[in-house]
Amino acid sequence: MKTPAWSYSSITLFDQCPKKYYHLRVAKDIKEPESEAMLYGTAVHEAAEKYMRDDEPIPEKFAYMEPYLRKLKAIPGEKLCEHKMGLKRTPEGMQPCGFFDPDVWFRGIADLLIIDREKKEARVIDYKTGKSARYADPKQLALMASCVFFHFPEMERVRSGLLFVVSKDFIPVDFSVRHKHDIFVKLDDVLVSRETAYETQVFNPKQNFTCKQWCSVLTCAHNGRSA
């Protein structure tokens, strides 16, 4: 079976548990229900996008995040919301491509991308609705920064951050163009494991913190909800 394009969310899921990944992303015989937190996160992203792109007022229930969005809106540069980018592998190396191109290898979506061509600097902001930034994962920012460097080759620097709009935390991470390949090298092991799983059709379970209470794969021996 051909290995499909991957994203930050898919590779994170595979790394967490290949068996869970199989049921949710390959066989698709299990669908996780949308929790209240997921629905809330979707609504926050939509409100932020409409404010940044269309100048639509922030709904009253999300008024707490308007000060942060106002500051972002004041930053000079072209504002791109929910900006989709793809990368493909070629004999000449990594190349930018369309999000839905048939040979796309990696797909990423930037919640907010600001391009300042004069400074040769970009900003990538990812909105988070979690109640704490304690377990913030900067890999997502690194992947998006790499995409920006490939799609906007004039950029020399990417200033990125995870904006936790509820807990009022901001996790900043800066990247230089000379590091645009680093994140993919660091993910080599899990990417190779994923390719092997597709080739062999073997997606072994991996016990993790979600098994006892949150995993929807009830047929797994590690699932604490199946008893």
C-alpha atoms as a PDB file:
ATOM      1  CA  MET A   1       0.000   0.000   0.000  1.00  0.00           C
ATOM      2  CA  LYS A   2       1.296   3.451  -0.943  1.00  0.00           C
ATOM      3  CA  THR A   3       2.190   5.606   2.031  1.00  0.00           C
ATOM      4  CA  PRO A   4      -0.011   8.725   1.931  1.00  0.00           C
ATOM      5  CA  ALA A   5       1.008  12.280   2.712  1.00  0.00           C
ATOM      6  CA  TRP A   6       1.415  13.075   6.370  1.00  0.00           C
ATOM      7  CA  SER A   7       0.804  16.015   8.670  1.00  0.00           C
ATOM      8  CA  TYR A   8       1.777  17.008  12.190  1.00  0.00           C
ATOM      9  CA  SER A   9      -1.439  15.533  13.596  1.00  0.00           C
ATOM     10  CA  SER A  10      -1.144  12.251  11.704  1.00  0.00           C
ATOM     11  CA  ILE A  11       2.498  11.615  12.582  1.00  0.00           C
ATOM     12  CA  THR A  12       1.769  12.498  16.226  1.00  0.00           C
ATOM     13  CA  LEU A  13      -1.087   9.988  16.251  1.00  0.00           C
ATOM     14  CA  PHE A  14       1.074   7.291  14.643  1.00  0.00           C
ATOM     15  CA  ASP A  15       3.885   7.895  17.127  1.00  0.00           C
ATOM     16  CA  GLN A  16       1.384   7.652  19.984  1.00  0.00           C
ATOM     17  CA  CYS A  17      -0.046   4.323  18.784  1.00  0.00           C
ATOM     18  CA  PRO A  18       0.207   2.749  15.307  1.00  0.00           C
ATOM     19  CA  LYS A  19      -2.874   0.584  15.967  1.00  0.00           C
ATOM     20  CA  LYS A  20      -5.014   3.574  16.849  1.00  0.00           C
ATOM     21  CA  TYR A  21      -3.661   5.353  13.776  1.00  0.00           C
ATOM     22  CA  TYR A  22      -4.647   2.371  11.635  1.00  0.00           C
ATOM     23  CA  HIS A  23      -8.254   2.357  12.778  1.00  0.00           C
ATOM     24  CA  LEU A  24      -8.699   6.136  12.559  1.00  0.00           C
ATOM     25  CA  ARG A  25      -6.660   6.968   9.440  1.00  0.00           C
ATOM     26  CA  VAL A  26      -6.267   3.782   7.362  1.00  0.00           C
ATOM     27  CA  ALA A  27      -9.214   1.427   7.878  1.00  0.00           C
ATOM     28  CA  LYS A  28     -11.385   4.309   9.094  1.00  0.00           C
ATOM     29  CA  ASP A  29     -13.644   1.808  10.849  1.00  0.00           C
ATOM     30  CA  ILE A  30     -13.634   3.890  14.027  1.00  0.00           C
ATOM     31  CA  LYS A  31     -14.532   7.551  14.272  1.00  0.00           C
ATOM     32  CA  GLU A  32     -13.781   9.498  17.406  1.00  0.00           C
ATOM     33  CA  PRO A  33     -16.710  11.640  18.545  1.00  0.00           C
ATOM     34  CA  GLU A  34     -16.124  15.383  18.628  1.00  0.00           C
ATOM     35  CA  SER A  35     -15.761  16.453  22.228  1.00  0.00           C
ATOM     36  CA  GLU A  36     -16.886  19.785  23.614  1.00  0.00           C
ATOM     37  CA  ALA A  37     -13.245  20.864  23.703  1.00  0.00           C
ATOM     38  CA  MET A  38     -12.798  20.031  20.012  1.00  0.00           C
ATOM     39  CA  LEU A  39     -15.947  21.910  19.021  1.00  0.00           C
ATOM     40  CA  TYR A  40     -14.859  24.869  21.123  1.00  0.00           C
ATOM     41  CA  GLY A  41     -11.438  24.873  19.459  1.00  0.00           C
ATOM     42  CA  THR A  42     -13.016  24.847  15.996  1.00  0.00           C
ATOM     43  CA  ALA A  43     -15.224  27.807  16.913  1.00  0.00           C
ATOM     44  CA  VAL A  44     -12.241  29.766  18.256  1.00  0.00           C
ATOM     45  CA  HIS A  45     -10.264  29.176  15.061  1.00  0.00           C
ATOM     46  CA  GLU A  46     -13.199  30.271  12.905  1.00  0.00           C
ATOM     47  CA  ALA A  47     -13.707  33.448  14.939  1.00  0.00           C
ATOM     48  CA  ALA A  48      -9.998  34.314  14.759  1.00  0.00           C
ATOM     49  CA  GLU A  49      -9.900  33.692  11.007  1.00  0.00           C
ATOM     50  CA  LYS A  50     -12.923  35.915  10.317  1.00  0.00           C
ATOM     51  CA  TYR A  51     -11.494  38.690  12.486  1.00  0.00           C
ATOM     52  CA  MET A  52      -8.057  38.618  10.872  1.00  0.00           C
ATOM     53  CA  ARG A  53      -9.186  38.118   7.283  1.00  0.00           C
ATOM     54  CA  ASP A  54     -12.589  39.829   7.068  1.00  0.00           C
ATOM     55  CA  ASP A  55     -12.522  42.324   9.953  1.00  0.00           C
ATOM     56  CA  GLU A  56     -15.542  40.548  11.387  1.00  0.00           C
ATOM     57  CA  PRO A  57     -16.072  41.410  15.068  1.00  0.00           C
ATOM     58  CA  ILE A  58     -15.099  38.782  17.627  1.00  0.00           C
ATOM     59  CA  PRO A  59     -18.196  37.126  19.188  1.00  0.00           C
ATOM     60  CA  GLU A  60     -18.785  38.197  22.775  1.00  0.00           C
ATOM     61  CA  LYS A  61     -18.027  34.735  24.156  1.00  0.00           C
ATOM     62  CA  PHE A  62     -14.518  34.950  22.660  1.00  0.00           C
ATOM     63  CA  ALA A  63     -13.885  38.576  23.607  1.00  0.00           C
ATOM     64  CA  TYR A  64     -11.026  37.523  25.893  1.00  0.00           C
ATOM     65  CA  MET A  65      -8.794  36.805  22.896  1.00  0.00           C
ATOM     66  CA  GLU A  66      -9.409  40.048  21.012  1.00  0.00           C
ATOM     67  CA  PRO A  67      -6.452  41.919  22.608  1.00  0.00           C
ATOM     68  CA  TYR A  68      -4.058  39.255  21.344  1.00  0.00           C
ATOM     69  CA  LEU A  69      -5.548  39.203  17.868  1.00  0.00           C
ATOM     70  CA  ARG A  70      -5.498  42.987  17.697  1.00  0.00           C
ATOM     71  CA  LYS A  71      -1.749  42.975  18.373  1.00  0.00           C
ATOM     72  CA  LEU A  72      -1.203  40.368  15.673  1.00  0.00           C
ATOM     73  CA  LYS A  73      -3.291  42.345  13.215  1.00  0.00           C
ATOM     74  CA  ALA A  74      -1.143  45.425  13.816  1.00  0.00           C
ATOM     75  CA  ILE A  75       2.044  43.611  12.774  1.00  0.00           C
ATOM     76  CA  PRO A  76       3.168  44.766   9.302  1.00  0.00           C
ATOM     77  CA  GLY A  77       2.959  42.263   6.469  1.00  0.00           C
ATOM     78  CA  GLU A  78       0.601  40.203   4.368  1.00  0.00           C
ATOM     79  CA  LYS A  79      -1.834  38.229   6.539  1.00  0.00           C
ATOM     80  CA  LEU A  80      -2.697  34.705   5.371  1.00  0.00           C
ATOM     81  CA  CYS A  81      -5.277  32.758   7.388  1.00  0.00           C
ATOM     82  CA  GLU A  82      -5.568  28.962   7.444  1.00  0.00           C
ATOM     83  CA  HIS A  83      -2.866  28.933   4.796  1.00  0.00           C
ATOM     84  CA  LYS A  84      -2.327  25.507   3.230  1.00  0.00           C
ATOM     85  CA  MET A  85       1.147  24.403   2.098  1.00  0.00           C
ATOM     86  CA  GLY A  86       2.549  21.166   0.729  1.00  0.00           C
ATOM     87  CA  LEU A  87       6.027  19.722   0.259  1.00  0.00           C
ATOM     88  CA  LYS A  88       7.190  16.980  -2.084  1.00  0.00           C
ATOM     89  CA  ARG A  89      10.369  14.937  -2.252  1.00  0.00           C
ATOM     90  CA  THR A  90      12.259  14.928  -5.554  1.00  0.00           C
ATOM     91  CA  PRO A  91      15.696  13.687  -6.685  1.00  0.00           C
ATOM     92  CA  GLU A  92      16.831  17.298  -6.362  1.00  0.00           C
ATOM     93  CA  GLY A  93      15.568  17.507  -2.785  1.00  0.00           C
ATOM     94  CA  MET A  94      12.517  18.923  -1.043  1.00  0.00           C
ATOM     95  CA  GLN A  95      10.322  21.187  -3.137  1.00  0.00           C
ATOM     96  CA  PRO A  96       7.184  23.251  -2.429  1.00  0.00           C
ATOM     97  CA  CYS A  97       3.942  22.007  -3.953  1.00  0.00           C
ATOM     98  CA  GLY A  98       0.190  22.369  -3.712  1.00  0.00           C
ATOM     99  CA  PHE A  99      -1.658  21.039  -0.688  1.00  0.00           C
ATOM    100  CA  PHE A 100      -3.659  18.622  -2.860  1.00  0.00           C
ATOM    101  CA  ASP A 101      -1.012  17.780  -5.471  1.00  0.00           C
ATOM    102  CA  PRO A 102      -0.818  14.037  -6.254  1.00  0.00           C
ATOM    103  CA  ASP A 103       2.849  13.870  -5.245  1.00  0.00           C
ATOM    104  CA  VAL A 104       2.525  15.857  -2.024  1.00  0.00           C
ATOM    105  CA  TRP A 105       4.563  14.301   0.794  1.00  0.00           C
ATOM    106  CA  PHE A 106       3.820  16.639   3.725  1.00  0.00           C
ATOM    107  CA  ARG A 107       0.809  18.875   4.348  1.00  0.00           C
ATOM    108  CA  GLY A 108       0.627  21.766   6.796  1.00  0.00           C
ATOM    109  CA  ILE A 109      -1.865  24.510   7.588  1.00  0.00           C
ATOM    110  CA  ALA A 110      -0.806  27.733   9.288  1.00  0.00           C
ATOM    111  CA  ASP A 111      -3.545  29.270  11.452  1.00  0.00           C
ATOM    112  CA  LEU A 112      -1.992  32.670  10.794  1.00  0.00           C
ATOM    113  CA  LEU A 113       0.953  33.414   8.530  1.00  0.00           C
ATOM    114  CA  ILE A 114       2.338  36.953   8.256  1.00  0.00           C
ATOM    115  CA  ILE A 115       4.799  37.639   5.430  1.00  0.00           C
ATOM    116  CA  ASP A 116       6.995  40.729   5.713  1.00  0.00           C
ATOM    117  CA  ARG A 117       8.887  40.840   2.418  1.00  0.00           C
ATOM    118  CA  GLU A 118      10.766  44.004   3.353  1.00  0.00           C
ATOM    119  CA  LYS A 119      12.304  42.434   6.439  1.00  0.00           C
ATOM    120  CA  LYS A 120      12.501  38.990   4.819  1.00  0.00           C
ATOM    121  CA  GLU A 121      10.774  37.708   7.921  1.00  0.00           C
ATOM    122  CA  ALA A 122       7.638  35.647   8.484  1.00  0.00           C
ATOM    123  CA  ARG A 123       5.508  34.930  11.518  1.00  0.00           C
ATOM    124  CA  VAL A 124       3.566  31.734  12.134  1.00  0.00           C
ATOM    125  CA  ILE A 125       0.956  31.665  14.872  1.00  0.00           C
ATOM    126  CA  ASP A 126      -0.959  28.593  15.968  1.00  0.00           C
ATOM    127  CA  TYR A 127      -3.990  29.131  18.184  1.00  0.00           C
ATOM    128  CA  LYS A 128      -4.444  26.738  21.095  1.00  0.00           C
ATOM    129  CA  THR A 129      -7.461  26.441  23.384  1.00  0.00           C
ATOM    130  CA  GLY A 130      -5.945  24.168  25.999  1.00  0.00           C
ATOM    131  CA  LYS A 131      -6.120  25.219  29.628  1.00  0.00           C
ATOM    132  CA  SER A 132      -2.366  24.902  30.057  1.00  0.00           C
ATOM    133  CA  ALA A 133       0.770  25.260  27.950  1.00  0.00           C
ATOM    134  CA  ARG A 134       2.580  22.702  30.084  1.00  0.00           C
ATOM    135  CA  TYR A 135       2.761  20.059  27.357  1.00  0.00           C
ATOM    136  CA  ALA A 136       3.212  22.414  24.402  1.00  0.00           C
ATOM    137  CA  ASP A 137       4.875  20.699  21.437  1.00  0.00           C
ATOM    138  CA  PRO A 138       7.076  22.982  19.261  1.00  0.00           C
ATOM    139  CA  LYS A 139       7.426  20.357  16.494  1.00  0.00           C
ATOM    140  CA  GLN A 140       4.317  21.767  14.849  1.00  0.00           C
ATOM    141  CA  LEU A 141       5.944  25.194  14.644  1.00  0.00           C
ATOM    142  CA  ALA A 142       9.159  23.750  13.218  1.00  0.00           C
ATOM    143  CA  LEU A 143       7.254  21.935  10.474  1.00  0.00           C
ATOM    144  CA  MET A 144       5.337  25.070   9.526  1.00  0.00           C
ATOM    145  CA  ALA A 145       8.526  27.150   9.553  1.00  0.00           C
ATOM    146  CA  SER A 146      10.130  24.676   7.142  1.00  0.00           C
ATOM    147  CA  CYS A 147       7.123  24.975   4.832  1.00  0.00           C
ATOM    148  CA  VAL A 148       7.393  28.746   4.886  1.00  0.00           C
ATOM    149  CA  PHE A 149      11.069  28.658   3.943  1.00  0.00           C
ATOM    150  CA  PHE A 150      10.309  26.432   0.952  1.00  0.00           C
ATOM    151  CA  HIS A 151       7.215  28.308  -0.204  1.00  0.00           C
ATOM    152  CA  PHE A 152       8.629  31.773   0.414  1.00  0.00           C
ATOM    153  CA  PRO A 153      12.352  31.337  -0.373  1.00  0.00           C
ATOM    154  CA  GLU A 154      13.085  35.022   0.196  1.00  0.00           C
ATOM    155  CA  MET A 155      12.311  34.599   3.903  1.00  0.00           C
ATOM    156  CA  GLU A 156      15.407  34.402   6.098  1.00  0.00           C
ATOM    157  CA  ARG A 157      13.706  34.058   9.459  1.00  0.00           C
ATOM    158  CA  VAL A 158      10.452  32.731  10.877  1.00  0.00           C
ATOM    159  CA  ARG A 159       9.224  33.977  14.228  1.00  0.00           C
ATOM    160  CA  SER A 160       6.589  31.548  15.411  1.00  0.00           C
ATOM    161  CA  GLY A 161       4.526  30.851  18.484  1.00  0.00           C
ATOM    162  CA  LEU A 162       1.818  28.768  20.096  1.00  0.00           C
ATOM    163  CA  LEU A 163      -0.813  31.190  21.369  1.00  0.00           C
ATOM    164  CA  PHE A 164      -2.846  29.674  24.195  1.00  0.00           C
ATOM    165  CA  VAL A 165      -5.801  32.050  24.126  1.00  0.00           C
ATOM    166  CA  VAL A 166      -7.512  30.596  27.204  1.00  0.00           C
ATOM    167  CA  SER A 167      -4.565  30.235  29.575  1.00  0.00           C
ATOM    168  CA  LYS A 168      -2.963  33.420  28.161  1.00  0.00           C
ATOM    169  CA  ASP A 169       0.339  31.715  27.465  1.00  0.00           C
ATOM    170  CA  PHE A 170       2.586  32.267  24.479  1.00  0.00           C
ATOM    171  CA  ILE A 171       5.349  29.828  23.533  1.00  0.00           C
ATOM    172  CA  PRO A 172       7.712  31.560  21.073  1.00  0.00           C
ATOM    173  CA  VAL A 173      10.178  29.724  18.837  1.00  0.00           C
ATOM    174  CA  ASP A 174      12.365  31.371  16.191  1.00  0.00           C
ATOM    175  CA  PHE A 175      13.839  29.634  13.164  1.00  0.00           C
ATOM    176  CA  SER A 176      16.556  30.497  10.666  1.00  0.00           C
ATOM    177  CA  VAL A 177      16.416  29.436   7.025  1.00  0.00           C
ATOM    178  CA  ARG A 178      19.589  27.391   7.508  1.00  0.00           C
ATOM    179  CA  HIS A 179      17.570  25.016   9.722  1.00  0.00           C
ATOM    180  CA  LYS A 180      14.772  24.307   7.239  1.00  0.00           C
ATOM    181  CA  HIS A 181      15.729  20.619   6.845  1.00  0.00           C
ATOM    182  CA  ASP A 182      16.412  19.907  10.531  1.00  0.00           C
ATOM    183  CA  ILE A 183      12.897  19.002  11.624  1.00  0.00           C
ATOM    184  CA  PHE A 184      12.523  16.326   8.945  1.00  0.00           C
ATOM    185  CA  VAL A 185      15.828  14.737   9.931  1.00  0.00           C
ATOM    186  CA  LYS A 186      14.649  14.588  13.552  1.00  0.00           C
ATOM    187  CA  LEU A 187      11.471  12.802  12.458  1.00  0.00           C
ATOM    188  CA  ASP A 188      13.259  10.209  10.312  1.00  0.00           C
ATOM    189  CA  ASP A 189      12.715   7.320  12.743  1.00  0.00           C
ATOM    190  CA  VAL A 190       8.952   7.707  13.092  1.00  0.00           C
ATOM    191  CA  LEU A 191       8.525   8.445   9.371  1.00  0.00           C
ATOM    192  CA  VAL A 192      10.426   5.283   8.437  1.00  0.00           C
ATOM    193  CA  SER A 193       8.352   3.277  10.949  1.00  0.00           C
ATOM    194  CA  ARG A 194       5.180   4.630   9.356  1.00  0.00           C
ATOM    195  CA  GLU A 195       6.354   3.698   5.861  1.00  0.00           C
ATOM    196  CA  THR A 196       7.224   0.194   7.085  1.00  0.00           C
ATOM    197  CA  ALA A 197       3.780  -0.181   8.659  1.00  0.00           C
ATOM    198  CA  TYR A 198       2.115   0.680   5.345  1.00  0.00           C
ATOM    199  CA  GLU A 199       4.394  -1.697   3.416  1.00  0.00           C
ATOM    200  CA  THR A 200       3.822  -4.622   5.795  1.00  0.00           C
ATOM    201  CA  GLN A 201       0.288  -3.706   6.852  1.00  0.00           C
ATOM    202  CA  VAL A 202       1.350  -4.263  10.441  1.00  0.00           C
ATOM    203  CA  PHE A 203       0.287  -1.500  12.846  1.00  0.00           C
ATOM    204  CA  ASN A 204       1.213  -2.702  16.309  1.00  0.00           C
ATOM    205  CA  PRO A 205      -0.434  -1.289  19.450  1.00  0.00           C
ATOM    206  CA  LYS A 206       1.643   0.958  21.676  1.00  0.00           C
ATOM    207  CA  GLN A 207       0.559   1.467  25.252  1.00  0.00           C
ATOM    208  CA  ASN A 208       0.305   5.135  26.206  1.00  0.00           C
ATOM    209  CA  PHE A 209      -1.473   7.591  28.493  1.00  0.00           C
ATOM    210  CA  THR A 210      -4.711   7.553  26.466  1.00  0.00           C
ATOM    211  CA  CYS A 211      -5.327   3.814  26.763  1.00  0.00           C
ATOM    212  CA  LYS A 212      -7.211   3.641  30.053  1.00  0.00           C
ATOM    213  CA  GLN A 213      -9.750   6.407  29.611  1.00  0.00           C
ATOM    214  CA  TRP A 214      -9.739   8.063  26.208  1.00  0.00           C
ATOM    215  CA  CYS A 215      -8.919   5.603  23.425  1.00  0.00           C
ATOM    216  CA  SER A 216     -11.829   4.643  21.188  1.00  0.00           C
ATOM    217  CA  VAL A 217     -10.175   1.424  19.902  1.00  0.00           C
ATOM    218  CA  LEU A 218     -12.021  -0.896  22.260  1.00  0.00           C
ATOM    219  CA  THR A 219     -10.647  -4.080  20.661  1.00  0.00           C
ATOM    220  CA  CYS A 220      -7.112  -3.292  21.809  1.00  0.00           C
ATOM    221  CA  ALA A 221      -5.751  -5.317  24.743  1.00  0.00           C
ATOM    222  CA  HIS A 222      -4.426  -2.125  26.351  1.00  0.00           C
ATOM    223  CA  ASN A 223      -7.792  -0.364  26.292  1.00  0.00           C
ATOM    224  CA  GLY A 224      -9.087   0.245  29.804  1.00  0.00           C
ATOM    225  CA  ARG A 225     -12.634   0.947  28.590  1.00  0.00           C
ATOM    226  CA  SER A 226     -13.203  -2.401  26.898  1.00  0.00           C
ATOM    227  CA  ALA A 227     -13.750  -4.425  30.067  1.00  0.00           C
END
